[in-house]
Amino acid sequence: MQQTTGQALEVRLSAYIDGELGEAERAELDALLARDEDAKVMLEKLKAGSAFGNKAFEDFLHDPVPLALVRQIKQGPGINPRSERVATANLPAPTVRVWPRVMAAAVTLLLLGGAVGFIVGSTQYVAEPEGSASTRPWIDEIADYHRIYSRQKEHLVEAPASDGPKIETWLASSVGIGFKTPDLASKGLTFEGARLLVVDGKPVGQLIYRDREGDIYAICFLKGGDKPQTDQFREDIRDNLGLISWQKGDASLVLVGPSADAGLRELAEAVAASI
């Protein structure tokens, strides 16, 4: 139990909320709150601030990790865990115990500030088209398809890779777009075969690949697609899936793979050059 007698009222009430006070000191504060309206107001503000901070932190933890940030984490220098532990261990214990809400607020602000900083700074990595994600429903449907089909063991594809050129003829005539199946063996991907999907009433061709770890990747394309058209890459994330989309002539294309793959953008560039 903490002993906060003689410290600032905010500190004492913070410990009161956390249930960290002994019975005698808690009874003292109960009496103060019963007669002092200002103390009551301060207690409610502290409770509200704590609830807001907890909610903001919880929301932050559930936000999906942007692809560019994943790439920075994987390719850039990271935090040394040992240094982090040493720095934490050197904090004075009384400070940690006396100012729990001050520290929690600082961490929350740091995280939120970092998120804002990333959003501002990420423009150097991702080309943002004029349309928002909400105007690109086919990306969402492709993500939904991928989650279902990528889990299939015996029926991952409709046409197996052994069908070879027949796949190109079949999908080209169905979708209305000529293409060449990319050879991605140099990227560690094996071609498994193809499927024909339907998105918003339009046929969509899907070429499916598997990496050495068993993760499934897919190249999807349809004629027309969303407006405005652009040949620049657009990166999206849907839970654990990363999607990189672009336009090529009258075709809309998207590469789908694990969002944790730091080389997804490079893979999309290879696909765009060879499809």
Protein backbone atom coordinates (compact mmCIF):
# COMPACT_ATOMS: atom_id res chain seq x y z
CA MET A 1 0.00 0.00 0.00
CA GLN A 2 1.17 3.54 -0.77
CA GLN A 3 1.60 6.31 1.75
CA THR A 4 0.67 9.62 0.10
CA THR A 5 0.02 11.83 3.13
CA GLY A 6 1.48 15.29 2.54
CA GLN A 7 1.60 14.93 -1.25
CA ALA A 8 -0.48 16.78 -3.83
CA LEU A 9 -4.21 16.00 -3.78
CA GLU A 10 -4.06 14.81 -7.41
CA VAL A 11 -1.47 12.18 -6.44
CA ARG A 12 -3.46 11.06 -3.43
CA LEU A 13 -6.70 10.77 -5.42
CA SER A 14 -4.90 8.89 -8.18
CA ALA A 15 -3.73 6.29 -5.66
CA TYR A 16 -7.27 6.32 -4.18
CA ILE A 17 -8.74 5.39 -7.57
CA ASP A 18 -6.18 2.61 -8.02
CA GLY A 19 -7.00 1.13 -4.63
CA GLU A 20 -3.40 1.51 -3.47
CA LEU A 21 -4.05 3.23 -0.12
CA GLY A 22 -4.25 1.79 3.36
CA GLU A 23 -7.56 1.78 5.22
CA ALA A 24 -6.70 4.80 7.40
CA GLU A 25 -5.69 7.04 4.50
CA ARG A 26 -8.63 5.90 2.39
CA ALA A 27 -11.00 6.76 5.24
CA GLU A 28 -9.37 10.18 5.47
CA LEU A 29 -9.98 10.83 1.77
CA ASP A 30 -13.54 9.50 2.01
CA ALA A 31 -14.21 12.13 4.67
CA LEU A 32 -12.58 14.83 2.53
CA LEU A 33 -14.67 13.90 -0.49
CA ALA A 34 -17.84 13.94 1.60
CA ARG A 35 -17.35 17.59 2.57
CA ASP A 36 -15.21 19.12 -0.21
CA GLU A 37 -16.95 19.72 -3.55
CA ASP A 38 -13.70 20.68 -5.29
CA ALA A 39 -12.14 17.37 -4.29
CA LYS A 40 -15.15 15.55 -5.74
CA VAL A 41 -14.79 17.40 -9.03
CA MET A 42 -11.08 16.58 -9.16
CA LEU A 43 -11.81 12.89 -8.50
CA GLU A 44 -14.32 12.74 -11.35
CA LYS A 45 -11.88 14.43 -13.73
CA LEU A 46 -9.17 11.94 -12.82
CA LYS A 47 -11.57 9.04 -13.40
CA ALA A 48 -12.65 10.47 -16.75
CA GLY A 49 -9.05 11.06 -17.81
CA SER A 50 -8.10 7.53 -16.84
CA ALA A 51 -11.02 6.05 -18.80
CA PHE A 52 -10.17 8.17 -21.85
CA GLY A 53 -6.50 7.19 -21.75
CA ASN A 54 -7.31 3.49 -21.37
CA LYS A 55 -9.80 3.63 -24.26
CA ALA A 56 -7.36 5.51 -26.53
CA PHE A 57 -4.58 3.06 -25.74
CA GLU A 58 -6.87 0.06 -26.32
CA ASP A 59 -8.01 1.48 -29.68
CA PHE A 60 -4.40 2.13 -30.65
CA LEU A 61 -3.44 -1.49 -29.94
CA HIS A 62 -6.22 -2.77 -32.20
CA ASP A 63 -5.36 -0.52 -35.15
CA PRO A 64 -3.88 -2.46 -38.10
CA VAL A 65 -0.18 -1.95 -38.73
CA PRO A 66 0.41 0.07 -41.95
CA LEU A 67 2.52 -1.71 -44.56
CA ALA A 68 5.10 1.07 -44.71
CA LEU A 69 5.55 0.89 -40.94
CA VAL A 70 6.01 -2.88 -41.13
CA ARG A 71 8.69 -2.26 -43.74
CA GLN A 72 10.44 0.31 -41.54
CA ILE A 73 10.40 -2.04 -38.55
CA LYS A 74 11.81 -4.94 -40.56
CA GLN A 75 14.43 -2.98 -42.48
CA GLY A 76 15.40 -0.20 -40.09
CA PRO A 77 17.26 -0.24 -36.77
CA GLY A 78 15.12 -1.43 -33.87
CA ILE A 79 15.04 -0.75 -30.16
CA ASN A 80 17.64 -2.66 -28.21
CA PRO A 81 15.60 -4.73 -25.69
CA ARG A 82 18.50 -4.77 -23.25
CA SER A 83 18.85 -0.97 -23.36
CA GLU A 84 15.12 -0.62 -22.87
CA ARG A 85 15.23 -2.82 -19.77
CA VAL A 86 18.21 -0.94 -18.35
CA ALA A 87 16.54 2.43 -18.92
CA THR A 88 13.38 1.24 -17.19
CA ALA A 89 15.29 -0.25 -14.30
CA ASN A 90 17.04 3.09 -13.69
CA LEU A 91 13.76 4.94 -13.08
CA PRO A 92 13.36 5.86 -9.39
CA ALA A 93 10.81 3.53 -7.82
CA PRO A 94 9.03 6.29 -5.85
CA THR A 95 8.48 8.22 -9.07
CA VAL A 96 6.92 5.20 -10.75
CA ARG A 97 4.59 4.61 -7.83
CA VAL A 98 3.72 8.25 -7.07
CA TRP A 99 2.98 9.32 -10.63
CA PRO A 100 1.24 6.32 -12.27
CA ARG A 101 -1.29 8.42 -14.17
CA VAL A 102 1.23 11.00 -15.27
CA MET A 103 3.39 8.28 -16.76
CA ALA A 104 0.42 6.51 -18.34
CA ALA A 105 -0.71 9.78 -19.90
CA ALA A 106 2.81 10.42 -21.22
CA VAL A 107 2.97 6.96 -22.81
CA THR A 108 -0.48 7.41 -24.35
CA LEU A 109 0.44 10.82 -25.78
CA LEU A 110 3.73 9.43 -27.07
CA LEU A 111 1.96 6.58 -28.86
CA LEU A 112 -0.74 8.81 -30.28
CA GLY A 113 1.85 11.37 -31.32
CA GLY A 114 3.87 8.65 -33.00
CA ALA A 115 0.80 7.48 -34.88
CA VAL A 116 0.11 11.00 -36.13
CA GLY A 117 3.76 11.42 -37.04
CA PHE A 118 3.68 8.21 -39.01
CA ILE A 119 0.55 9.26 -40.91
CA VAL A 120 2.16 12.58 -41.84
CA GLY A 121 5.54 11.06 -42.65
CA SER A 122 4.24 8.05 -44.53
CA THR A 123 3.37 10.17 -47.55
CA GLN A 124 6.94 9.63 -48.71
CA TYR A 125 6.26 5.89 -48.95
CA VAL A 126 2.68 5.64 -50.22
CA ALA A 127 1.19 7.48 -53.16
CA GLU A 128 -2.35 8.44 -52.17
CA PRO A 129 -4.86 8.75 -55.03
CA GLU A 130 -7.71 11.19 -54.89
CA GLY A 131 -10.25 8.49 -54.05
CA SER A 132 -10.50 7.11 -50.54
CA ALA A 133 -10.53 3.44 -49.59
CA SER A 134 -14.29 3.59 -49.23
CA THR A 135 -14.57 4.25 -52.99
CA ARG A 136 -12.63 1.08 -53.79
CA PRO A 137 -14.98 -1.76 -52.74
CA TRP A 138 -13.37 -4.35 -54.98
CA ILE A 139 -10.26 -4.33 -52.75
CA ASP A 140 -12.40 -5.28 -49.75
CA GLU A 141 -14.08 -8.10 -51.65
CA ILE A 142 -10.73 -9.42 -52.88
CA ALA A 143 -9.51 -9.50 -49.27
CA ASP A 144 -12.61 -11.46 -48.25
CA TYR A 145 -12.13 -13.94 -51.09
CA HIS A 146 -8.47 -14.40 -50.21
CA ARG A 147 -9.21 -15.19 -46.55
CA ILE A 148 -11.53 -18.00 -47.63
CA TYR A 149 -9.63 -19.53 -50.54
CA SER A 150 -6.17 -19.29 -48.98
CA ARG A 151 -7.31 -21.71 -46.25
CA GLN A 152 -8.31 -24.40 -48.73
CA LYS A 153 -6.04 -27.44 -48.72
CA GLU A 154 -7.32 -29.66 -51.52
CA HIS A 155 -9.25 -27.04 -53.51
CA LEU A 156 -6.99 -24.00 -53.42
CA VAL A 157 -7.41 -23.43 -57.18
CA GLU A 158 -9.91 -24.23 -59.93
CA ALA A 159 -7.28 -24.75 -62.61
CA PRO A 160 -3.95 -26.21 -61.45
CA ALA A 161 -0.59 -24.87 -62.60
CA SER A 162 -0.17 -27.98 -64.76
CA ASP A 163 -2.80 -26.55 -67.11
CA GLY A 164 -0.17 -24.03 -68.20
CA PRO A 165 -1.17 -21.87 -71.20
CA LYS A 166 -4.80 -23.01 -70.91
CA ILE A 167 -5.08 -20.81 -67.81
CA GLU A 168 -4.08 -17.69 -69.71
CA THR A 169 -6.56 -18.47 -72.50
CA TRP A 170 -9.36 -19.20 -70.04
CA LEU A 171 -8.92 -16.12 -67.86
CA ALA A 172 -8.16 -13.75 -70.75
CA SER A 173 -11.38 -14.71 -72.53
CA SER A 174 -13.39 -14.59 -69.28
CA VAL A 175 -12.05 -11.29 -67.94
CA GLY A 176 -11.40 -9.59 -71.28
CA ILE A 177 -7.75 -8.82 -70.51
CA GLY A 178 -4.68 -10.39 -72.07
CA PHE A 179 -1.84 -11.22 -69.68
CA LYS A 180 1.18 -13.43 -69.06
CA THR A 181 1.44 -15.51 -65.90
CA PRO A 182 4.41 -14.07 -63.95
CA ASP A 183 7.22 -16.45 -63.05
CA LEU A 184 7.99 -15.54 -59.43
CA ALA A 185 10.31 -18.44 -58.60
CA SER A 186 13.17 -15.99 -58.06
CA LYS A 187 11.02 -14.36 -55.37
CA GLY A 188 10.52 -17.68 -53.60
CA LEU A 189 6.96 -18.18 -54.89
CA THR A 190 5.58 -21.26 -56.64
CA PHE A 191 2.65 -20.92 -59.03
CA GLU A 192 -0.24 -23.11 -57.82
CA GLY A 193 -2.93 -22.31 -60.37
CA ALA A 194 -5.87 -19.97 -60.93
CA ARG A 195 -9.46 -19.14 -60.07
CA LEU A 196 -12.21 -17.03 -61.60
CA LEU A 197 -13.98 -14.70 -59.15
CA VAL A 198 -16.84 -12.23 -59.45
CA VAL A 199 -16.70 -8.76 -57.90
CA ASP A 200 -19.53 -6.27 -58.33
CA GLY A 201 -20.85 -8.30 -61.26
CA LYS A 202 -17.48 -8.30 -63.05
CA PRO A 203 -15.27 -11.36 -63.69
CA VAL A 204 -11.93 -11.25 -61.87
CA GLY A 205 -8.94 -13.42 -62.71
CA GLN A 206 -6.88 -14.73 -59.79
CA LEU A 207 -3.41 -16.26 -60.06
CA ILE A 208 -2.35 -18.04 -56.87
CA TYR A 209 1.16 -18.61 -55.52
CA ARG A 210 2.64 -20.24 -52.40
CA ASP A 211 5.90 -19.33 -50.65
CA ARG A 212 8.34 -21.63 -48.87
CA GLU A 213 6.56 -21.11 -45.54
CA GLY A 214 3.20 -22.06 -47.01
CA ASP A 215 1.76 -18.51 -47.12
CA ILE A 216 -0.58 -17.84 -50.02
CA TYR A 217 -0.23 -14.88 -52.40
CA ALA A 218 -2.63 -13.90 -55.17
CA ILE A 219 -2.61 -11.61 -58.19
CA CYS A 220 -6.12 -10.44 -59.07
CA PHE A 221 -7.19 -8.41 -62.10
CA LEU A 222 -10.36 -7.16 -63.73
CA LYS A 223 -11.26 -4.95 -66.64
CA GLY A 224 -12.06 -1.35 -65.78
CA GLY A 225 -12.15 -1.24 -62.02
CA ASP A 226 -12.32 1.83 -59.84
CA LYS A 227 -11.82 5.46 -60.79
CA PRO A 228 -9.69 7.50 -60.93
CA GLN A 229 -7.21 5.22 -62.62
CA THR A 230 -3.52 5.55 -61.85
CA ASP A 231 -0.39 3.54 -62.59
CA GLN A 232 0.98 4.38 -59.16
CA PHE A 233 0.96 1.73 -56.46
CA ARG A 234 -1.62 2.03 -53.71
CA GLU A 235 -1.02 0.14 -50.44
CA ASP A 236 -3.90 -1.02 -48.23
CA ILE A 237 -4.12 -3.27 -45.22
CA ARG A 238 -7.03 -5.44 -44.12
CA ASP A 239 -6.25 -7.09 -40.79
CA ASN A 240 -3.36 -9.47 -41.54
CA LEU A 241 -3.51 -8.98 -45.32
CA GLY A 242 -1.51 -6.49 -47.34
CA LEU A 243 -2.91 -5.37 -50.70
CA ILE A 244 -0.99 -3.40 -53.33
CA SER A 245 -3.08 -2.23 -56.27
CA TRP A 246 -2.37 -0.37 -59.49
CA GLN A 247 -3.71 0.23 -63.01
CA LYS A 248 -2.24 -1.04 -66.26
CA GLY A 249 -4.04 0.13 -69.36
CA ASP A 250 -7.70 -0.73 -68.93
CA ALA A 251 -6.96 -3.30 -66.20
CA SER A 252 -7.10 -2.93 -62.42
CA LEU A 253 -4.72 -5.22 -60.55
CA VAL A 254 -4.03 -6.06 -56.92
CA LEU A 255 -1.40 -8.23 -55.26
CA VAL A 256 -2.53 -9.83 -51.97
CA GLY A 257 -0.20 -11.31 -49.39
CA PRO A 258 0.69 -11.29 -45.68
CA SER A 259 0.87 -7.74 -44.34
CA ALA A 260 4.05 -8.72 -42.45
CA ASP A 261 5.93 -9.31 -45.72
CA ALA A 262 8.34 -6.38 -45.96
CA GLY A 263 9.02 -7.20 -49.63
CA LEU A 264 5.40 -6.98 -50.79
CA ARG A 265 5.93 -3.67 -52.64
CA GLU A 266 9.00 -5.04 -54.42
CA LEU A 267 7.04 -8.15 -55.37
CA ALA A 268 4.22 -5.98 -56.79
CA GLU A 269 6.76 -4.12 -58.92
CA ALA A 270 8.05 -7.45 -60.30
CA VAL A 271 4.49 -8.55 -61.08
CA ALA A 272 3.64 -5.26 -62.79
CA ALA A 273 6.69 -5.59 -65.01
CA SER A 274 5.96 -9.14 -66.12
CA ILE A 275 2.19 -9.72 -66.15
